[in-house]
Amino acid sequence: MDFSLLNNNLFVLNIHFEWINNYSFKTVLFISIGAILGALSRYYLTVYFSRHSQVFPFGTLIINISGCFFMGIIAFLSQELIVSIPFQLLFVTGFLGSYTTFSTYILESSNLWRNNKKKHSILYWIGSVILGIIALELGINLTKVVLIIIQ
């Protein structure tokens, strides 16, 4: 915005919209769209899986593992310069940033432990890490194979 002095000594507020074409606005837009989609996906998947088990947080486990898998795919594609920066902002920073739920994972592990479900807590805690690493590597390797096939 700027104020311009006109003929009759009146100040007129001129609003400039150049910032719409600015990279920073596009960055915010891509991240925001991804975050909305990631948060909604996380919410609905958690609701769906919580209907099937009240004892174990399968929803968060599945979300974290699938998030690691998708992160593996995008990490490899980014390394090979196959995906654009806007896509990385949309999918990694936005979508996966709000979709994966590490803080929820820690809270649920702690809740299981404090509710004397020690075995469930340990299984969930260790299983998430091990399965997360496996899913990430699977995402990387599957993407390599697919790229070899389609090239």
N, C-alpha and C. Protein backbone atom coordinates (compact mmCIF):
# COMPACT_ATOMS: atom_id res chain seq x y z
N MET A 1 0.84 -1.17 0.00
CA MET A 1 0.00 0.00 0.00
C MET A 1 0.88 1.24 0.00
N ASP A 2 0.38 2.28 -0.63
CA ASP A 2 1.04 3.56 -0.49
C ASP A 2 0.00 4.66 -0.55
N PHE A 3 0.36 5.79 -0.02
CA PHE A 3 -0.53 6.94 -0.04
C PHE A 3 0.00 7.92 -1.08
N SER A 4 -0.87 8.36 -1.99
CA SER A 4 -0.45 9.29 -3.03
C SER A 4 -1.20 10.60 -2.88
N LEU A 5 -0.47 11.68 -3.04
CA LEU A 5 -1.05 13.02 -2.96
C LEU A 5 -1.64 13.36 -4.33
N LEU A 6 -2.92 13.67 -4.37
CA LEU A 6 -3.58 14.02 -5.62
C LEU A 6 -3.82 15.53 -5.71
N ASN A 7 -4.48 15.96 -6.80
CA ASN A 7 -4.69 17.37 -7.10
C ASN A 7 -5.25 18.17 -5.94
N ASN A 8 -6.28 17.73 -5.32
CA ASN A 8 -6.98 18.50 -4.29
C ASN A 8 -6.44 18.24 -2.90
N ASN A 9 -5.19 17.93 -2.81
CA ASN A 9 -4.57 17.62 -1.52
C ASN A 9 -5.26 16.47 -0.78
N LEU A 10 -5.84 15.57 -1.52
CA LEU A 10 -6.47 14.40 -0.92
C LEU A 10 -5.51 13.23 -1.00
N PHE A 11 -5.46 12.50 0.06
CA PHE A 11 -4.66 11.27 0.03
C PHE A 11 -5.56 10.12 -0.41
N VAL A 12 -5.08 9.39 -1.33
CA VAL A 12 -5.83 8.24 -1.82
C VAL A 12 -5.02 6.99 -1.51
N LEU A 13 -5.70 6.05 -0.97
CA LEU A 13 -5.05 4.78 -0.65
C LEU A 13 -4.98 3.93 -1.91
N ASN A 14 -3.76 3.66 -2.35
CA ASN A 14 -3.58 2.78 -3.51
C ASN A 14 -3.09 1.43 -3.00
N ILE A 15 -3.83 0.43 -3.32
CA ILE A 15 -3.43 -0.92 -2.91
C ILE A 15 -2.78 -1.59 -4.10
N HIS A 16 -1.59 -2.05 -3.90
CA HIS A 16 -0.87 -2.72 -4.98
C HIS A 16 -0.95 -4.23 -4.78
N PHE A 17 -1.26 -4.91 -5.84
CA PHE A 17 -1.43 -6.35 -5.78
C PHE A 17 -0.26 -7.11 -6.39
N GLU A 18 0.88 -6.45 -6.51
CA GLU A 18 2.03 -7.16 -7.07
C GLU A 18 2.42 -8.37 -6.22
N TRP A 19 2.15 -8.30 -4.94
CA TRP A 19 2.53 -9.39 -4.06
C TRP A 19 1.84 -10.69 -4.44
N ILE A 20 0.73 -10.62 -5.15
CA ILE A 20 0.04 -11.85 -5.58
C ILE A 20 0.94 -12.65 -6.52
N ASN A 21 1.71 -11.96 -7.33
CA ASN A 21 2.60 -12.64 -8.26
C ASN A 21 3.95 -12.97 -7.62
N ASN A 22 4.12 -12.57 -6.40
CA ASN A 22 5.39 -12.77 -5.71
C ASN A 22 5.54 -14.25 -5.33
N TYR A 23 6.77 -14.72 -5.37
CA TYR A 23 7.07 -16.12 -5.02
C TYR A 23 6.61 -16.45 -3.61
N SER A 24 6.75 -15.53 -2.68
CA SER A 24 6.38 -15.84 -1.29
C SER A 24 4.88 -16.10 -1.16
N PHE A 25 4.06 -15.41 -1.92
CA PHE A 25 2.63 -15.68 -1.88
C PHE A 25 2.34 -17.07 -2.43
N LYS A 26 2.99 -17.42 -3.53
CA LYS A 26 2.80 -18.76 -4.10
C LYS A 26 3.26 -19.83 -3.11
N THR A 27 4.35 -19.57 -2.41
CA THR A 27 4.84 -20.51 -1.41
C THR A 27 3.78 -20.74 -0.34
N VAL A 28 3.22 -19.65 0.18
CA VAL A 28 2.18 -19.74 1.21
C VAL A 28 0.97 -20.49 0.65
N LEU A 29 0.61 -20.20 -0.57
CA LEU A 29 -0.55 -20.85 -1.19
C LEU A 29 -0.34 -22.36 -1.33
N PHE A 30 0.80 -22.77 -1.88
CA PHE A 30 1.07 -24.20 -2.05
C PHE A 30 1.10 -24.93 -0.70
N ILE A 31 1.79 -24.36 0.27
CA ILE A 31 1.86 -24.99 1.59
C ILE A 31 0.48 -25.07 2.22
N SER A 32 -0.30 -24.01 2.11
CA SER A 32 -1.63 -23.97 2.72
C SER A 32 -2.57 -25.00 2.12
N ILE A 33 -2.58 -25.10 0.81
CA ILE A 33 -3.45 -26.09 0.15
C ILE A 33 -3.05 -27.50 0.59
N GLY A 34 -1.76 -27.77 0.57
CA GLY A 34 -1.28 -29.08 1.01
C GLY A 34 -1.63 -29.37 2.46
N ALA A 35 -1.48 -28.35 3.31
CA ALA A 35 -1.77 -28.53 4.74
C ALA A 35 -3.24 -28.83 4.99
N ILE A 36 -4.10 -28.14 4.27
CA ILE A 36 -5.54 -28.40 4.41
C ILE A 36 -5.85 -29.84 4.02
N LEU A 37 -5.34 -30.26 2.88
CA LEU A 37 -5.61 -31.63 2.41
C LEU A 37 -5.00 -32.67 3.34
N GLY A 38 -3.80 -32.41 3.85
CA GLY A 38 -3.15 -33.34 4.77
C GLY A 38 -3.90 -33.46 6.09
N ALA A 39 -4.33 -32.32 6.62
CA ALA A 39 -5.05 -32.33 7.90
C ALA A 39 -6.38 -33.05 7.77
N LEU A 40 -7.09 -32.80 6.67
CA LEU A 40 -8.37 -33.48 6.46
C LEU A 40 -8.17 -34.98 6.26
N SER A 41 -7.16 -35.35 5.52
CA SER A 41 -6.86 -36.78 5.33
C SER A 41 -6.55 -37.44 6.66
N ARG A 42 -5.72 -36.78 7.45
CA ARG A 42 -5.36 -37.32 8.76
C ARG A 42 -6.61 -37.49 9.62
N TYR A 43 -7.45 -36.48 9.67
CA TYR A 43 -8.65 -36.53 10.50
C TYR A 43 -9.56 -37.69 10.09
N TYR A 44 -9.89 -37.78 8.81
CA TYR A 44 -10.83 -38.80 8.37
C TYR A 44 -10.26 -40.21 8.47
N LEU A 45 -8.99 -40.38 8.22
CA LEU A 45 -8.38 -41.70 8.40
C LEU A 45 -8.36 -42.10 9.88
N THR A 46 -8.07 -41.15 10.75
CA THR A 46 -8.07 -41.43 12.19
C THR A 46 -9.46 -41.82 12.66
N VAL A 47 -10.48 -41.09 12.22
CA VAL A 47 -11.86 -41.42 12.58
C VAL A 47 -12.22 -42.81 12.06
N TYR A 48 -11.87 -43.10 10.83
CA TYR A 48 -12.18 -44.40 10.23
C TYR A 48 -11.54 -45.54 11.03
N PHE A 49 -10.25 -45.44 11.31
CA PHE A 49 -9.56 -46.53 11.98
C PHE A 49 -9.91 -46.61 13.47
N SER A 50 -10.31 -45.52 14.08
CA SER A 50 -10.68 -45.58 15.50
C SER A 50 -11.99 -46.33 15.70
N ARG A 51 -12.79 -46.45 14.67
CA ARG A 51 -14.03 -47.23 14.75
C ARG A 51 -13.75 -48.72 14.86
N HIS A 52 -12.58 -49.12 14.38
CA HIS A 52 -12.24 -50.54 14.35
C HIS A 52 -11.43 -51.00 15.55
N SER A 53 -10.86 -50.06 16.29
CA SER A 53 -10.07 -50.46 17.46
C SER A 53 -10.00 -49.32 18.46
N GLN A 54 -10.48 -49.59 19.65
CA GLN A 54 -10.39 -48.61 20.73
C GLN A 54 -9.17 -48.88 21.61
N VAL A 55 -8.51 -50.01 21.38
CA VAL A 55 -7.41 -50.45 22.23
C VAL A 55 -6.07 -49.94 21.72
N PHE A 56 -5.92 -49.88 20.42
CA PHE A 56 -4.62 -49.56 19.82
C PHE A 56 -4.80 -48.45 18.78
N PRO A 57 -3.92 -47.46 18.76
CA PRO A 57 -4.07 -46.33 17.83
C PRO A 57 -3.62 -46.67 16.40
N PHE A 58 -4.38 -47.56 15.74
CA PHE A 58 -4.02 -47.98 14.39
C PHE A 58 -4.04 -46.82 13.40
N GLY A 59 -4.97 -45.88 13.57
CA GLY A 59 -5.06 -44.76 12.64
C GLY A 59 -3.77 -43.96 12.57
N THR A 60 -3.24 -43.60 13.73
CA THR A 60 -2.00 -42.82 13.76
C THR A 60 -0.84 -43.65 13.24
N LEU A 61 -0.81 -44.92 13.58
CA LEU A 61 0.25 -45.80 13.08
C LEU A 61 0.23 -45.87 11.55
N ILE A 62 -0.94 -46.09 10.98
CA ILE A 62 -1.07 -46.18 9.52
C ILE A 62 -0.72 -44.84 8.87
N ILE A 63 -1.16 -43.75 9.46
CA ILE A 63 -0.84 -42.42 8.92
C ILE A 63 0.67 -42.18 8.94
N ASN A 64 1.31 -42.47 10.06
CA ASN A 64 2.76 -42.25 10.15
C ASN A 64 3.53 -43.13 9.17
N ILE A 65 3.13 -44.39 9.04
CA ILE A 65 3.84 -45.31 8.14
C ILE A 65 3.62 -44.89 6.68
N SER A 66 2.38 -44.59 6.32
CA SER A 66 2.13 -44.16 4.94
C SER A 66 2.80 -42.81 4.66
N GLY A 67 2.85 -41.93 5.66
CA GLY A 67 3.57 -40.66 5.50
C GLY A 67 5.04 -40.88 5.23
N CYS A 68 5.64 -41.83 5.93
CA CYS A 68 7.05 -42.17 5.68
C CYS A 68 7.23 -42.74 4.28
N PHE A 69 6.29 -43.56 3.85
CA PHE A 69 6.35 -44.14 2.50
C PHE A 69 6.32 -43.03 1.45
N PHE A 70 5.34 -42.13 1.57
CA PHE A 70 5.24 -41.02 0.62
C PHE A 70 6.46 -40.11 0.68
N MET A 71 6.98 -39.91 1.89
CA MET A 71 8.19 -39.09 2.03
C MET A 71 9.36 -39.73 1.30
N GLY A 72 9.44 -41.06 1.34
CA GLY A 72 10.49 -41.76 0.61
C GLY A 72 10.38 -41.55 -0.88
N ILE A 73 9.17 -41.61 -1.39
CA ILE A 73 8.96 -41.39 -2.83
C ILE A 73 9.39 -39.98 -3.21
N ILE A 74 8.90 -38.99 -2.48
CA ILE A 74 9.20 -37.60 -2.82
C ILE A 74 10.66 -37.27 -2.58
N ALA A 75 11.25 -37.84 -1.54
CA ALA A 75 12.68 -37.59 -1.27
C ALA A 75 13.53 -38.06 -2.44
N PHE A 76 13.22 -39.24 -2.96
CA PHE A 76 13.98 -39.75 -4.10
C PHE A 76 13.73 -38.90 -5.34
N LEU A 77 12.47 -38.60 -5.62
CA LEU A 77 12.16 -37.80 -6.80
C LEU A 77 12.78 -36.40 -6.71
N SER A 78 12.82 -35.83 -5.52
CA SER A 78 13.45 -34.52 -5.33
C SER A 78 14.95 -34.60 -5.55
N GLN A 79 15.55 -35.65 -5.05
CA GLN A 79 17.00 -35.85 -5.21
C GLN A 79 17.36 -35.98 -6.69
N GLU A 80 16.49 -36.63 -7.45
CA GLU A 80 16.72 -36.81 -8.88
C GLU A 80 16.20 -35.62 -9.69
N LEU A 81 15.72 -34.59 -9.00
CA LEU A 81 15.21 -33.37 -9.64
C LEU A 81 14.04 -33.64 -10.58
N ILE A 82 13.20 -34.60 -10.20
CA ILE A 82 12.04 -34.96 -11.02
C ILE A 82 10.80 -34.18 -10.60
N VAL A 83 10.73 -33.76 -9.35
CA VAL A 83 9.57 -32.99 -8.89
C VAL A 83 9.97 -31.54 -8.68
N SER A 84 9.02 -30.66 -8.92
CA SER A 84 9.29 -29.23 -8.83
C SER A 84 9.27 -28.75 -7.38
N ILE A 85 9.85 -27.59 -7.17
CA ILE A 85 9.83 -26.96 -5.84
C ILE A 85 8.39 -26.70 -5.39
N PRO A 86 7.51 -26.16 -6.24
CA PRO A 86 6.12 -25.97 -5.79
C PRO A 86 5.45 -27.28 -5.36
N PHE A 87 5.72 -28.38 -6.07
CA PHE A 87 5.14 -29.66 -5.67
C PHE A 87 5.70 -30.10 -4.33
N GLN A 88 7.00 -29.90 -4.11
CA GLN A 88 7.61 -30.24 -2.82
C GLN A 88 6.96 -29.43 -1.70
N LEU A 89 6.73 -28.15 -1.96
CA LEU A 89 6.08 -27.31 -0.95
C LEU A 89 4.67 -27.80 -0.67
N LEU A 90 3.93 -28.11 -1.72
CA LEU A 90 2.56 -28.56 -1.57
C LEU A 90 2.50 -29.90 -0.85
N PHE A 91 3.28 -30.87 -1.31
CA PHE A 91 3.14 -32.23 -0.81
C PHE A 91 3.95 -32.50 0.45
N VAL A 92 5.23 -32.12 0.47
CA VAL A 92 6.08 -32.44 1.63
C VAL A 92 5.80 -31.49 2.78
N THR A 93 5.99 -30.20 2.55
CA THR A 93 5.82 -29.24 3.63
C THR A 93 4.36 -29.12 4.04
N GLY A 94 3.47 -29.00 3.06
CA GLY A 94 2.05 -28.82 3.36
C GLY A 94 1.34 -30.10 3.74
N PHE A 95 1.18 -31.00 2.76
CA PHE A 95 0.40 -32.21 2.99
C PHE A 95 1.00 -33.10 4.07
N LEU A 96 2.25 -33.54 3.86
CA LEU A 96 2.85 -34.46 4.83
C LEU A 96 3.11 -33.78 6.17
N GLY A 97 3.36 -32.48 6.15
CA GLY A 97 3.57 -31.75 7.40
C GLY A 97 2.36 -31.77 8.31
N SER A 98 1.16 -31.74 7.73
CA SER A 98 -0.04 -31.80 8.57
C SER A 98 -0.64 -33.20 8.62
N TYR A 99 -0.23 -34.06 7.73
CA TYR A 99 -0.75 -35.43 7.69
C TYR A 99 -0.06 -36.33 8.71
N THR A 100 1.26 -36.30 8.75
CA THR A 100 1.97 -37.15 9.71
C THR A 100 1.82 -36.57 11.10
N THR A 101 1.91 -37.42 12.06
CA THR A 101 1.45 -37.03 13.40
C THR A 101 2.42 -37.48 14.48
N PHE A 102 3.66 -37.06 14.37
CA PHE A 102 4.65 -37.53 15.34
C PHE A 102 4.28 -37.14 16.77
N SER A 103 3.83 -35.91 16.96
CA SER A 103 3.47 -35.51 18.33
C SER A 103 2.30 -36.32 18.85
N THR A 104 1.37 -36.65 17.99
CA THR A 104 0.26 -37.51 18.40
C THR A 104 0.76 -38.91 18.72
N TYR A 105 1.71 -39.38 17.95
CA TYR A 105 2.34 -40.69 18.19
C TYR A 105 2.96 -40.74 19.58
N ILE A 106 3.68 -39.70 19.95
CA ILE A 106 4.31 -39.65 21.27
C ILE A 106 3.25 -39.60 22.37
N LEU A 107 2.22 -38.78 22.17
CA LEU A 107 1.15 -38.68 23.17
C LEU A 107 0.45 -40.03 23.33
N GLU A 108 0.13 -40.69 22.24
CA GLU A 108 -0.56 -41.98 22.32
C GLU A 108 0.32 -43.06 22.94
N SER A 109 1.61 -43.03 22.64
CA SER A 109 2.54 -43.97 23.30
C SER A 109 2.54 -43.75 24.80
N SER A 110 2.59 -42.50 25.19
CA SER A 110 2.59 -42.15 26.61
C SER A 110 1.27 -42.53 27.28
N ASN A 111 0.17 -42.27 26.60
CA ASN A 111 -1.14 -42.63 27.16
C ASN A 111 -1.28 -44.14 27.36
N LEU A 112 -0.82 -44.91 26.39
CA LEU A 112 -0.85 -46.37 26.54
C LEU A 112 -0.03 -46.80 27.75
N TRP A 113 1.15 -46.21 27.89
CA TRP A 113 2.04 -46.54 29.01
C TRP A 113 1.38 -46.18 30.35
N ARG A 114 0.83 -44.97 30.43
CA ARG A 114 0.22 -44.51 31.69
C ARG A 114 -1.06 -45.27 32.02
N ASN A 115 -1.70 -45.84 31.01
CA ASN A 115 -2.92 -46.63 31.24
C ASN A 115 -2.62 -48.12 31.42
N ASN A 116 -1.38 -48.40 31.81
CA ASN A 116 -0.93 -49.76 32.11
C ASN A 116 -1.07 -50.72 30.93
N LYS A 117 -0.93 -50.19 29.74
CA LYS A 117 -0.89 -51.02 28.54
C LYS A 117 0.54 -50.96 28.01
N LYS A 118 1.44 -51.40 28.86
CA LYS A 118 2.88 -51.28 28.59
C LYS A 118 3.29 -52.02 27.32
N LYS A 119 2.76 -53.23 27.12
CA LYS A 119 3.12 -53.98 25.92
C LYS A 119 2.66 -53.25 24.66
N HIS A 120 1.43 -52.73 24.70
CA HIS A 120 0.92 -51.97 23.56
C HIS A 120 1.78 -50.73 23.31
N SER A 121 2.16 -50.06 24.37
CA SER A 121 2.98 -48.85 24.25
C SER A 121 4.32 -49.15 23.59
N ILE A 122 4.98 -50.19 24.06
CA ILE A 122 6.30 -50.56 23.51
C ILE A 122 6.15 -51.03 22.06
N LEU A 123 5.13 -51.85 21.78
CA LEU A 123 4.90 -52.32 20.42
C LEU A 123 4.64 -51.14 19.48
N TYR A 124 3.82 -50.23 19.92
CA TYR A 124 3.48 -49.05 19.11
C TYR A 124 4.71 -48.17 18.90
N TRP A 125 5.46 -47.94 19.94
CA TRP A 125 6.64 -47.07 19.90
C TRP A 125 7.71 -47.64 18.96
N ILE A 126 8.04 -48.90 19.16
CA ILE A 126 9.08 -49.54 18.35
C ILE A 126 8.55 -49.83 16.94
N GLY A 127 7.32 -50.33 16.86
CA GLY A 127 6.74 -50.66 15.56
C GLY A 127 6.65 -49.46 14.63
N SER A 128 6.31 -48.31 15.17
CA SER A 128 6.21 -47.11 14.34
C SER A 128 7.56 -46.74 13.73
N VAL A 129 8.61 -46.82 14.53
CA VAL A 129 9.94 -46.46 14.04
C VAL A 129 10.43 -47.47 13.00
N ILE A 130 10.34 -48.74 13.33
CA ILE A 130 10.83 -49.78 12.41
C ILE A 130 10.02 -49.79 11.12
N LEU A 131 8.69 -49.80 11.25
CA LEU A 131 7.85 -49.81 10.05
C LEU A 131 7.99 -48.51 9.26
N GLY A 132 8.22 -47.39 9.95
CA GLY A 132 8.44 -46.11 9.27
C GLY A 132 9.69 -46.14 8.40
N ILE A 133 10.77 -46.68 8.94
CA ILE A 133 12.02 -46.79 8.16
C ILE A 133 11.82 -47.74 6.98
N ILE A 134 11.16 -48.86 7.23
CA ILE A 134 10.90 -49.82 6.15
C ILE A 134 10.04 -49.17 5.06
N ALA A 135 8.99 -48.44 5.46
CA ALA A 135 8.10 -47.79 4.49
C ALA A 135 8.84 -46.72 3.68
N LEU A 136 9.71 -45.95 4.34
CA LEU A 136 10.50 -44.94 3.65
C LEU A 136 11.39 -45.58 2.59
N GLU A 137 12.11 -46.64 2.98
CA GLU A 137 12.99 -47.33 2.04
C GLU A 137 12.19 -47.99 0.92
N LEU A 138 11.03 -48.54 1.25
CA LEU A 138 10.16 -49.13 0.24
C LEU A 138 9.73 -48.06 -0.77
N GLY A 139 9.37 -46.88 -0.27
CA GLY A 139 8.98 -45.78 -1.15
C GLY A 139 10.10 -45.39 -2.09
N ILE A 140 11.32 -45.28 -1.57
CA ILE A 140 12.48 -44.93 -2.40
C ILE A 140 12.72 -46.00 -3.46
N ASN A 141 12.78 -47.26 -3.04
CA ASN A 141 13.11 -48.35 -3.96
C ASN A 141 12.00 -48.62 -4.98
N LEU A 142 10.75 -48.52 -4.56
CA LEU A 142 9.65 -48.70 -5.49
C LEU A 142 9.66 -47.60 -6.55
N THR A 143 9.96 -46.38 -6.14
CA THR A 143 10.03 -45.27 -7.09
C THR A 143 11.16 -45.48 -8.09
N LYS A 144 12.29 -45.97 -7.63
CA LYS A 144 13.40 -46.27 -8.54
C LYS A 144 12.97 -47.29 -9.59
N VAL A 145 12.29 -48.35 -9.15
CA VAL A 145 11.85 -49.41 -10.07
C VAL A 145 10.85 -48.85 -11.08
N VAL A 146 9.88 -48.08 -10.60
CA VAL A 146 8.87 -47.51 -11.49
C VAL A 146 9.52 -46.60 -12.53
N LEU A 147 10.47 -45.78 -12.10
CA LEU A 147 11.15 -44.89 -13.04
C LEU A 147 11.95 -45.66 -14.09
N ILE A 148 12.55 -46.76 -13.68
CA ILE A 148 13.28 -47.60 -14.64
C ILE A 148 12.30 -48.19 -15.66
N ILE A 149 11.15 -48.63 -15.18
CA ILE A 149 10.16 -49.25 -16.06
C ILE A 149 9.60 -48.24 -17.07
N ILE A 150 9.30 -47.02 -16.61
CA ILE A 150 8.66 -46.06 -17.52
C ILE A 150 9.64 -45.31 -18.41
N GLN A 151 10.93 -45.46 -18.17
CA GLN A 151 11.90 -44.74 -19.01
C GLN A 151 12.33 -45.54 -20.18
